[in-house]
Amino acid sequence: MVGWECACVEGGRGRRRRRRRRRRRRRRRRRRRRRRRRRRRRRRRRRRRRRRRRRRRRRRRRRRRGGVNEGNVDIRFI
């Protein structure tokens, strides 16, 4: 009965599979990260700073327009 109990436990199967997958992923990630990080970091930092400034200005304008539009709708129904 001991053999059946070990086979039914899902935790034992999951641990064996996870260990094999983690070793394969770590080897692939280390090689890819070193090559891609240096090239992507320079491009991403410049684009993110410019996009954040533009998004903040647009959000403020949308809030003001929304308030004015709500007032116009009330006047039309009256």
PDB file of N, CA and C in Angstrom:
ATOM      1  N   MET A   1       0.822  -1.215   0.000  1.00  0.00           N
ATOM      2  CA  MET A   1       0.000   0.000   0.000  1.00  0.00           C
ATOM      3  C   MET A   1       0.853   1.262   0.000  1.00  0.00           C
ATOM      4  N   VAL A   2       2.099   1.110   0.398  1.00  0.00           N
ATOM      5  CA  VAL A   2       2.966   2.290   0.428  1.00  0.00           C
ATOM      6  C   VAL A   2       3.182   2.819  -0.985  1.00  0.00           C
ATOM      7  N   GLY A   3       3.292   1.904  -1.957  1.00  0.00           N
ATOM      8  CA  GLY A   3       3.509   2.336  -3.339  1.00  0.00           C
ATOM      9  C   GLY A   3       2.317   3.125  -3.866  1.00  0.00           C
ATOM     10  N   TRP A   4       1.106   2.699  -3.505  1.00  0.00           N
ATOM     11  CA  TRP A   4      -0.083   3.409  -3.977  1.00  0.00           C
ATOM     12  C   TRP A   4      -0.173   4.795  -3.352  1.00  0.00           C
ATOM     13  N   GLU A   5       0.189   4.910  -2.099  1.00  0.00           N
ATOM     14  CA  GLU A   5       0.108   6.209  -1.430  1.00  0.00           C
ATOM     15  C   GLU A   5       1.071   7.211  -2.071  1.00  0.00           C
ATOM     16  N   CYS A   6       2.284   6.773  -2.393  1.00  0.00           N
ATOM     17  CA  CYS A   6       3.266   7.682  -3.001  1.00  0.00           C
ATOM     18  C   CYS A   6       2.802   8.106  -4.394  1.00  0.00           C
ATOM     19  N   ALA A   7       2.165   7.177  -5.129  1.00  0.00           N
ATOM     20  CA  ALA A   7       1.733   7.490  -6.484  1.00  0.00           C
ATOM     21  C   ALA A   7       0.556   8.462  -6.455  1.00  0.00           C
ATOM     22  N   CYS A   8      -0.292   8.370  -5.447  1.00  0.00           N
ATOM     23  CA  CYS A   8      -1.472   9.227  -5.381  1.00  0.00           C
ATOM     24  C   CYS A   8      -1.110  10.643  -4.939  1.00  0.00           C
ATOM     25  N   VAL A   9      -0.028  10.803  -4.214  1.00  0.00           N
ATOM     26  CA  VAL A   9       0.335  12.131  -3.717  1.00  0.00           C
ATOM     27  C   VAL A   9       0.824  12.983  -4.888  1.00  0.00           C
ATOM     28  N   GLU A  10       0.165  14.111  -5.134  1.00  0.00           N
ATOM     29  CA  GLU A  10       0.555  14.975  -6.257  1.00  0.00           C
ATOM     30  C   GLU A  10       1.787  15.812  -5.919  1.00  0.00           C
ATOM     31  N   GLY A  11       2.010  16.063  -4.631  1.00  0.00           N
ATOM     32  CA  GLY A  11       3.164  16.875  -4.247  1.00  0.00           C
ATOM     33  C   GLY A  11       4.475  16.216  -4.630  1.00  0.00           C
ATOM     34  N   GLY A  12       4.561  14.885  -4.509  1.00  0.00           N
ATOM     35  CA  GLY A  12       5.793  14.183  -4.873  1.00  0.00           C
ATOM     36  C   GLY A  12       6.073  14.296  -6.361  1.00  0.00           C
ATOM     37  N   ARG A  13       5.047  14.168  -7.181  1.00  0.00           N
ATOM     38  CA  ARG A  13       5.234  14.279  -8.630  1.00  0.00           C
ATOM     39  C   ARG A  13       5.604  15.708  -9.015  1.00  0.00           C
ATOM     40  N   GLY A  14       4.945  16.678  -8.396  1.00  0.00           N
ATOM     41  CA  GLY A  14       5.221  18.077  -8.728  1.00  0.00           C
ATOM     42  C   GLY A  14       6.647  18.478  -8.385  1.00  0.00           C
ATOM     43  N   ARG A  15       7.153  18.003  -7.266  1.00  0.00           N
ATOM     44  CA  ARG A  15       8.505  18.370  -6.869  1.00  0.00           C
ATOM     45  C   ARG A  15       9.531  17.844  -7.862  1.00  0.00           C
ATOM     46  N   ARG A  16       9.349  16.619  -8.320  1.00  0.00           N
ATOM     47  CA  ARG A  16      10.306  16.047  -9.268  1.00  0.00           C
ATOM     48  C   ARG A  16      10.284  16.807 -10.588  1.00  0.00           C
ATOM     49  N   ARG A  17       9.125  17.153 -11.073  1.00  0.00           N
ATOM     50  CA  ARG A  17       9.027  17.871 -12.343  1.00  0.00           C
ATOM     51  C   ARG A  17       9.546  19.300 -12.213  1.00  0.00           C
ATOM     52  N   ARG A  18       9.253  19.958 -11.113  1.00  0.00           N
ATOM     53  CA  ARG A  18       9.675  21.345 -10.930  1.00  0.00           C
ATOM     54  C   ARG A  18      11.196  21.466 -10.879  1.00  0.00           C
ATOM     55  N   ARG A  19      11.857  20.524 -10.230  1.00  0.00           N
ATOM     56  CA  ARG A  19      13.313  20.586 -10.139  1.00  0.00           C
ATOM     57  C   ARG A  19      13.948  20.481 -11.520  1.00  0.00           C
ATOM     58  N   ARG A  20      13.430  19.620 -12.358  1.00  0.00           N
ATOM     59  CA  ARG A  20      13.988  19.465 -13.700  1.00  0.00           C
ATOM     60  C   ARG A  20      13.726  20.713 -14.542  1.00  0.00           C
ATOM     61  N   ARG A  21      12.555  21.299 -14.437  1.00  0.00           N
ATOM     62  CA  ARG A  21      12.227  22.490 -15.223  1.00  0.00           C
ATOM     63  C   ARG A  21      13.043  23.695 -14.780  1.00  0.00           C
ATOM     64  N   ARG A  22      13.237  23.852 -13.484  1.00  0.00           N
ATOM     65  CA  ARG A  22      13.974  25.006 -12.978  1.00  0.00           C
ATOM     66  C   ARG A  22      15.421  24.995 -13.465  1.00  0.00           C
ATOM     67  N   ARG A  23      16.039  23.836 -13.492  1.00  0.00           N
ATOM     68  CA  ARG A  23      17.423  23.767 -13.946  1.00  0.00           C
ATOM     69  C   ARG A  23      17.534  24.143 -15.417  1.00  0.00           C
ATOM     70  N   ARG A  24      16.612  23.724 -16.228  1.00  0.00           N
ATOM     71  CA  ARG A  24      16.647  24.049 -17.656  1.00  0.00           C
ATOM     72  C   ARG A  24      16.378  25.535 -17.883  1.00  0.00           C
ATOM     73  N   ARG A  25      15.436  26.115 -17.165  1.00  0.00           N
ATOM     74  CA  ARG A  25      15.101  27.529 -17.349  1.00  0.00           C
ATOM     75  C   ARG A  25      16.242  28.440 -16.906  1.00  0.00           C
ATOM     76  N   ARG A  26      16.888  28.108 -15.799  1.00  0.00           N
ATOM     77  CA  ARG A  26      17.957  28.959 -15.294  1.00  0.00           C
ATOM     78  C   ARG A  26      19.113  29.047 -16.288  1.00  0.00           C
ATOM     79  N   ARG A  27      19.462  27.952 -16.907  1.00  0.00           N
ATOM     80  CA  ARG A  27      20.564  27.971 -17.861  1.00  0.00           C
ATOM     81  C   ARG A  27      20.219  28.820 -19.080  1.00  0.00           C
ATOM     82  N   ARG A  28      19.008  28.727 -19.566  1.00  0.00           N
ATOM     83  CA  ARG A  28      18.608  29.505 -20.738  1.00  0.00           C
ATOM     84  C   ARG A  28      18.462  30.985 -20.401  1.00  0.00           C
ATOM     85  N   ARG A  29      17.905  31.308 -19.242  1.00  0.00           N
ATOM     86  CA  ARG A  29      17.681  32.698 -18.872  1.00  0.00           C
ATOM     87  C   ARG A  29      18.996  33.446 -18.681  1.00  0.00           C
ATOM     88  N   ARG A  30      19.976  32.820 -18.072  1.00  0.00           N
ATOM     89  CA  ARG A  30      21.240  33.502 -17.822  1.00  0.00           C
ATOM     90  C   ARG A  30      21.913  33.905 -19.132  1.00  0.00           C
ATOM     91  N   ARG A  31      21.883  33.047 -20.109  1.00  0.00           N
ATOM     92  CA  ARG A  31      22.513  33.364 -21.391  1.00  0.00           C
ATOM     93  C   ARG A  31      21.747  34.457 -22.130  1.00  0.00           C
ATOM     94  N   ARG A  32      20.444  34.416 -22.115  1.00  0.00           N
ATOM     95  CA  ARG A  32      19.640  35.411 -22.833  1.00  0.00           C
ATOM     96  C   ARG A  32      19.663  36.762 -22.135  1.00  0.00           C
ATOM     97  N   ARG A  33      19.602  36.786 -20.819  1.00  0.00           N
ATOM     98  CA  ARG A  33      19.542  38.046 -20.086  1.00  0.00           C
ATOM     99  C   ARG A  33      20.800  38.883 -20.292  1.00  0.00           C
ATOM    100  N   ARG A  34      21.953  38.271 -20.287  1.00  0.00           N
ATOM    101  CA  ARG A  34      23.192  39.030 -20.432  1.00  0.00           C
ATOM    102  C   ARG A  34      23.256  39.731 -21.783  1.00  0.00           C
ATOM    103  N   ARG A  35      22.797  39.083 -22.823  1.00  0.00           N
ATOM    104  CA  ARG A  35      22.861  39.689 -24.154  1.00  0.00           C
ATOM    105  C   ARG A  35      21.739  40.717 -24.363  1.00  0.00           C
ATOM    106  N   ARG A  36      20.538  40.419 -23.924  1.00  0.00           N
ATOM    107  CA  ARG A  36      19.395  41.302 -24.185  1.00  0.00           C
ATOM    108  C   ARG A  36      19.346  42.489 -23.226  1.00  0.00           C
ATOM    109  N   ARG A  37      19.748  42.317 -21.990  1.00  0.00           N
ATOM    110  CA  ARG A  37      19.631  43.392 -21.005  1.00  0.00           C
ATOM    111  C   ARG A  37      20.421  44.630 -21.424  1.00  0.00           C
ATOM    112  N   ARG A  38      21.629  44.457 -21.885  1.00  0.00           N
ATOM    113  CA  ARG A  38      22.455  45.614 -22.233  1.00  0.00           C
ATOM    114  C   ARG A  38      21.843  46.405 -23.386  1.00  0.00           C
ATOM    115  N   ARG A  39      21.292  45.719 -24.362  1.00  0.00           N
ATOM    116  CA  ARG A  39      20.716  46.422 -25.517  1.00  0.00           C
ATOM    117  C   ARG A  39      19.352  47.037 -25.183  1.00  0.00           C
ATOM    118  N   ARG A  40      18.520  46.332 -24.451  1.00  0.00           N
ATOM    119  CA  ARG A  40      17.168  46.819 -24.168  1.00  0.00           C
ATOM    120  C   ARG A  40      17.166  47.929 -23.121  1.00  0.00           C
ATOM    121  N   ARG A  41      18.047  47.885 -22.154  1.00  0.00           N
ATOM    122  CA  ARG A  41      18.033  48.881 -21.081  1.00  0.00           C
ATOM    123  C   ARG A  41      18.211  50.297 -21.632  1.00  0.00           C
ATOM    124  N   ARG A  42      19.101  50.480 -22.552  1.00  0.00           N
ATOM    125  CA  ARG A  42      19.342  51.822 -23.090  1.00  0.00           C
ATOM    126  C   ARG A  42      18.108  52.351 -23.830  1.00  0.00           C
ATOM    127  N   ARG A  43      17.457  51.511 -24.594  1.00  0.00           N
ATOM    128  CA  ARG A  43      16.292  51.963 -25.360  1.00  0.00           C
ATOM    129  C   ARG A  43      15.072  52.170 -24.460  1.00  0.00           C
ATOM    130  N   ARG A  44      14.846  51.289 -23.504  1.00  0.00           N
ATOM    131  CA  ARG A  44      13.660  51.380 -22.654  1.00  0.00           C
ATOM    132  C   ARG A  44      13.718  52.604 -21.744  1.00  0.00           C
ATOM    133  N   ARG A  45      14.851  52.910 -21.184  1.00  0.00           N
ATOM    134  CA  ARG A  45      14.933  54.038 -20.259  1.00  0.00           C
ATOM    135  C   ARG A  45      14.582  55.356 -20.955  1.00  0.00           C
ATOM    136  N   ARG A  46      15.053  55.556 -22.154  1.00  0.00           N
ATOM    137  CA  ARG A  46      14.760  56.811 -22.858  1.00  0.00           C
ATOM    138  C   ARG A  46      13.276  56.913 -23.225  1.00  0.00           C
ATOM    139  N   ARG A  47      12.681  55.836 -23.661  1.00  0.00           N
ATOM    140  CA  ARG A  47      11.274  55.873 -24.078  1.00  0.00           C
ATOM    141  C   ARG A  47      10.342  56.010 -22.873  1.00  0.00           C
ATOM    142  N   ARG A  48      10.638  55.350 -21.778  1.00  0.00           N
ATOM    143  CA  ARG A  48       9.756  55.395 -20.612  1.00  0.00           C
ATOM    144  C   ARG A  48       9.691  56.802 -20.026  1.00  0.00           C
ATOM    145  N   ARG A  49      10.788  57.493 -19.945  1.00  0.00           N
ATOM    146  CA  ARG A  49      10.774  58.838 -19.362  1.00  0.00           C
ATOM    147  C   ARG A  49       9.919  59.793 -20.198  1.00  0.00           C
ATOM    148  N   ARG A  50      10.002  59.712 -21.498  1.00  0.00           N
ATOM    149  CA  ARG A  50       9.219  60.609 -22.354  1.00  0.00           C
ATOM    150  C   ARG A  50       7.728  60.267 -22.296  1.00  0.00           C
ATOM    151  N   ARG A  51       7.389  59.007 -22.273  1.00  0.00           N
ATOM    152  CA  ARG A  51       5.978  58.604 -22.252  1.00  0.00           C
ATOM    153  C   ARG A  51       5.312  58.987 -20.935  1.00  0.00           C
ATOM    154  N   ARG A  52       6.003  58.876 -19.824  1.00  0.00           N
ATOM    155  CA  ARG A  52       5.396  59.196 -18.541  1.00  0.00           C
ATOM    156  C   ARG A  52       5.024  60.677 -18.470  1.00  0.00           C
ATOM    157  N   ARG A  53       5.846  61.555 -18.974  1.00  0.00           N
ATOM    158  CA  ARG A  53       5.537  62.989 -18.932  1.00  0.00           C
ATOM    159  C   ARG A  53       4.320  63.317 -19.799  1.00  0.00           C
ATOM    160  N   ARG A  54       4.215  62.713 -20.956  1.00  0.00           N
ATOM    161  CA  ARG A  54       3.089  62.994 -21.846  1.00  0.00           C
ATOM    162  C   ARG A  54       1.784  62.437 -21.280  1.00  0.00           C
ATOM    163  N   ARG A  55       1.819  61.268 -20.684  1.00  0.00           N
ATOM    164  CA  ARG A  55       0.596  60.663 -20.148  1.00  0.00           C
ATOM    165  C   ARG A  55       0.031  61.492 -18.999  1.00  0.00           C
ATOM    166  N   ARG A  56       0.865  62.049 -18.149  1.00  0.00           N
ATOM    167  CA  ARG A  56       0.371  62.831 -17.020  1.00  0.00           C
ATOM    168  C   ARG A  56      -0.354  64.092 -17.507  1.00  0.00           C
ATOM    169  N   ARG A  57       0.141  64.737 -18.529  1.00  0.00           N
ATOM    170  CA  ARG A  57      -0.509  65.951 -19.043  1.00  0.00           C
ATOM    171  C   ARG A  57      -1.855  65.619 -19.685  1.00  0.00           C
ATOM    172  N   ARG A  58      -1.928  64.525 -20.402  1.00  0.00           N
ATOM    173  CA  ARG A  58      -3.183  64.158 -21.061  1.00  0.00           C
ATOM    174  C   ARG A  58      -4.266  63.800 -20.041  1.00  0.00           C
ATOM    175  N   ARG A  59      -3.912  63.148 -18.961  1.00  0.00           N
ATOM    176  CA  ARG A  59      -4.899  62.760 -17.960  1.00  0.00           C
ATOM    177  C   ARG A  59      -5.542  63.994 -17.324  1.00  0.00           C
ATOM    178  N   ARG A  60      -4.771  65.027 -17.072  1.00  0.00           N
ATOM    179  CA  ARG A  60      -5.336  66.239 -16.468  1.00  0.00           C
ATOM    180  C   ARG A  60      -6.332  66.918 -17.414  1.00  0.00           C
ATOM    181  N   ARG A  61      -6.028  66.936 -18.693  1.00  0.00           N
ATOM    182  CA  ARG A  61      -6.935  67.571 -19.652  1.00  0.00           C
ATOM    183  C   ARG A  61      -8.235  66.778 -19.790  1.00  0.00           C
ATOM    184  N   ARG A  62      -8.163  65.473 -19.762  1.00  0.00           N
ATOM    185  CA  ARG A  62      -9.371  64.653 -19.903  1.00  0.00           C
ATOM    186  C   ARG A  62     -10.328  64.880 -18.737  1.00  0.00           C
ATOM    187  N   ARG A  63      -9.803  65.046 -17.544  1.00  0.00           N
ATOM    188  CA  ARG A  63     -10.670  65.259 -16.383  1.00  0.00           C
ATOM    189  C   ARG A  63     -11.425  66.585 -16.512  1.00  0.00           C
ATOM    190  N   ARG A  64     -10.759  67.624 -16.985  1.00  0.00           N
ATOM    191  CA  ARG A  64     -11.428  68.926 -17.130  1.00  0.00           C
ATOM    192  C   ARG A  64     -12.512  68.866 -18.202  1.00  0.00           C
ATOM    193  N   ARG A  65     -12.219  68.212 -19.328  1.00  0.00           N
ATOM    194  CA  ARG A  65     -13.211  68.118 -20.399  1.00  0.00           C
ATOM    195  C   ARG A  65     -14.436  67.312 -19.948  1.00  0.00           C
ATOM    196  N   GLY A  66     -14.216  66.267 -19.173  1.00  0.00           N
ATOM    197  CA  GLY A  66     -15.328  65.442 -18.711  1.00  0.00           C
ATOM    198  C   GLY A  66     -16.296  66.252 -17.861  1.00  0.00           C
ATOM    199  N   GLY A  67     -15.788  67.140 -17.006  1.00  0.00           N
ATOM    200  CA  GLY A  67     -16.664  67.953 -16.164  1.00  0.00           C
ATOM    201  C   GLY A  67     -17.488  68.917 -16.999  1.00  0.00           C
ATOM    202  N   VAL A  68     -16.905  69.513 -18.018  1.00  0.00           N
ATOM    203  CA  VAL A  68     -17.627  70.464 -18.876  1.00  0.00           C
ATOM    204  C   VAL A  68     -18.700  69.728 -19.681  1.00  0.00           C
ATOM    205  N   ASN A  69     -18.399  68.551 -20.169  1.00  0.00           N
ATOM    206  CA  ASN A  69     -19.369  67.793 -20.971  1.00  0.00           C
ATOM    207  C   ASN A  69     -20.590  67.409 -20.127  1.00  0.00           C
ATOM    208  N   GLU A  70     -20.388  67.073 -18.890  1.00  0.00           N
ATOM    209  CA  GLU A  70     -21.513  66.697 -18.041  1.00  0.00           C
ATOM    210  C   GLU A  70     -22.463  67.891 -17.851  1.00  0.00           C
ATOM    211  N   GLY A  71     -21.940  69.090 -17.714  1.00  0.00           N
ATOM    212  CA  GLY A  71     -22.783  70.277 -17.550  1.00  0.00           C
ATOM    213  C   GLY A  71     -23.589  70.555 -18.806  1.00  0.00           C
ATOM    214  N   ASN A  72     -23.004  70.363 -19.980  1.00  0.00           N
ATOM    215  CA  ASN A  72     -23.709  70.609 -21.239  1.00  0.00           C
ATOM    216  C   ASN A  72     -24.854  69.615 -21.424  1.00  0.00           C
ATOM    217  N   VAL A  73     -24.669  68.395 -21.018  1.00  0.00           N
ATOM    218  CA  VAL A  73     -25.720  67.387 -21.168  1.00  0.00           C
ATOM    219  C   VAL A  73     -26.932  67.778 -20.322  1.00  0.00           C
ATOM    220  N   ASP A  74     -26.719  68.284 -19.118  1.00  0.00           N
ATOM    221  CA  ASP A  74     -27.837  68.681 -18.264  1.00  0.00           C
ATOM    222  C   ASP A  74     -28.613  69.840 -18.889  1.00  0.00           C
ATOM    223  N   ILE A  75     -27.928  70.783 -19.483  1.00  0.00           N
ATOM    224  CA  ILE A  75     -28.602  71.941 -20.085  1.00  0.00           C
ATOM    225  C   ILE A  75     -29.458  71.490 -21.273  1.00  0.00           C
ATOM    226  N   ARG A  76     -28.999  70.551 -22.059  1.00  0.00           N
ATOM    227  CA  ARG A  76     -29.759  70.092 -23.222  1.00  0.00           C
ATOM    228  C   ARG A  76     -31.057  69.415 -22.785  1.00  0.00           C
ATOM    229  N   PHE A  77     -31.007  68.597 -21.757  1.00  0.00           N
ATOM    230  CA  PHE A  77     -32.219  67.905 -21.315  1.00  0.00           C
ATOM    231  C   PHE A  77     -33.213  68.884 -20.701  1.00  0.00           C
ATOM    232  N   ILE A  78     -32.739  69.939 -20.071  1.00  0.00           N
ATOM    233  CA  ILE A  78     -33.643  70.914 -19.462  1.00  0.00           C
ATOM    234  C   ILE A  78     -34.366  71.673 -20.575  1.00  0.00           C
TER     235      ILE A  78
END
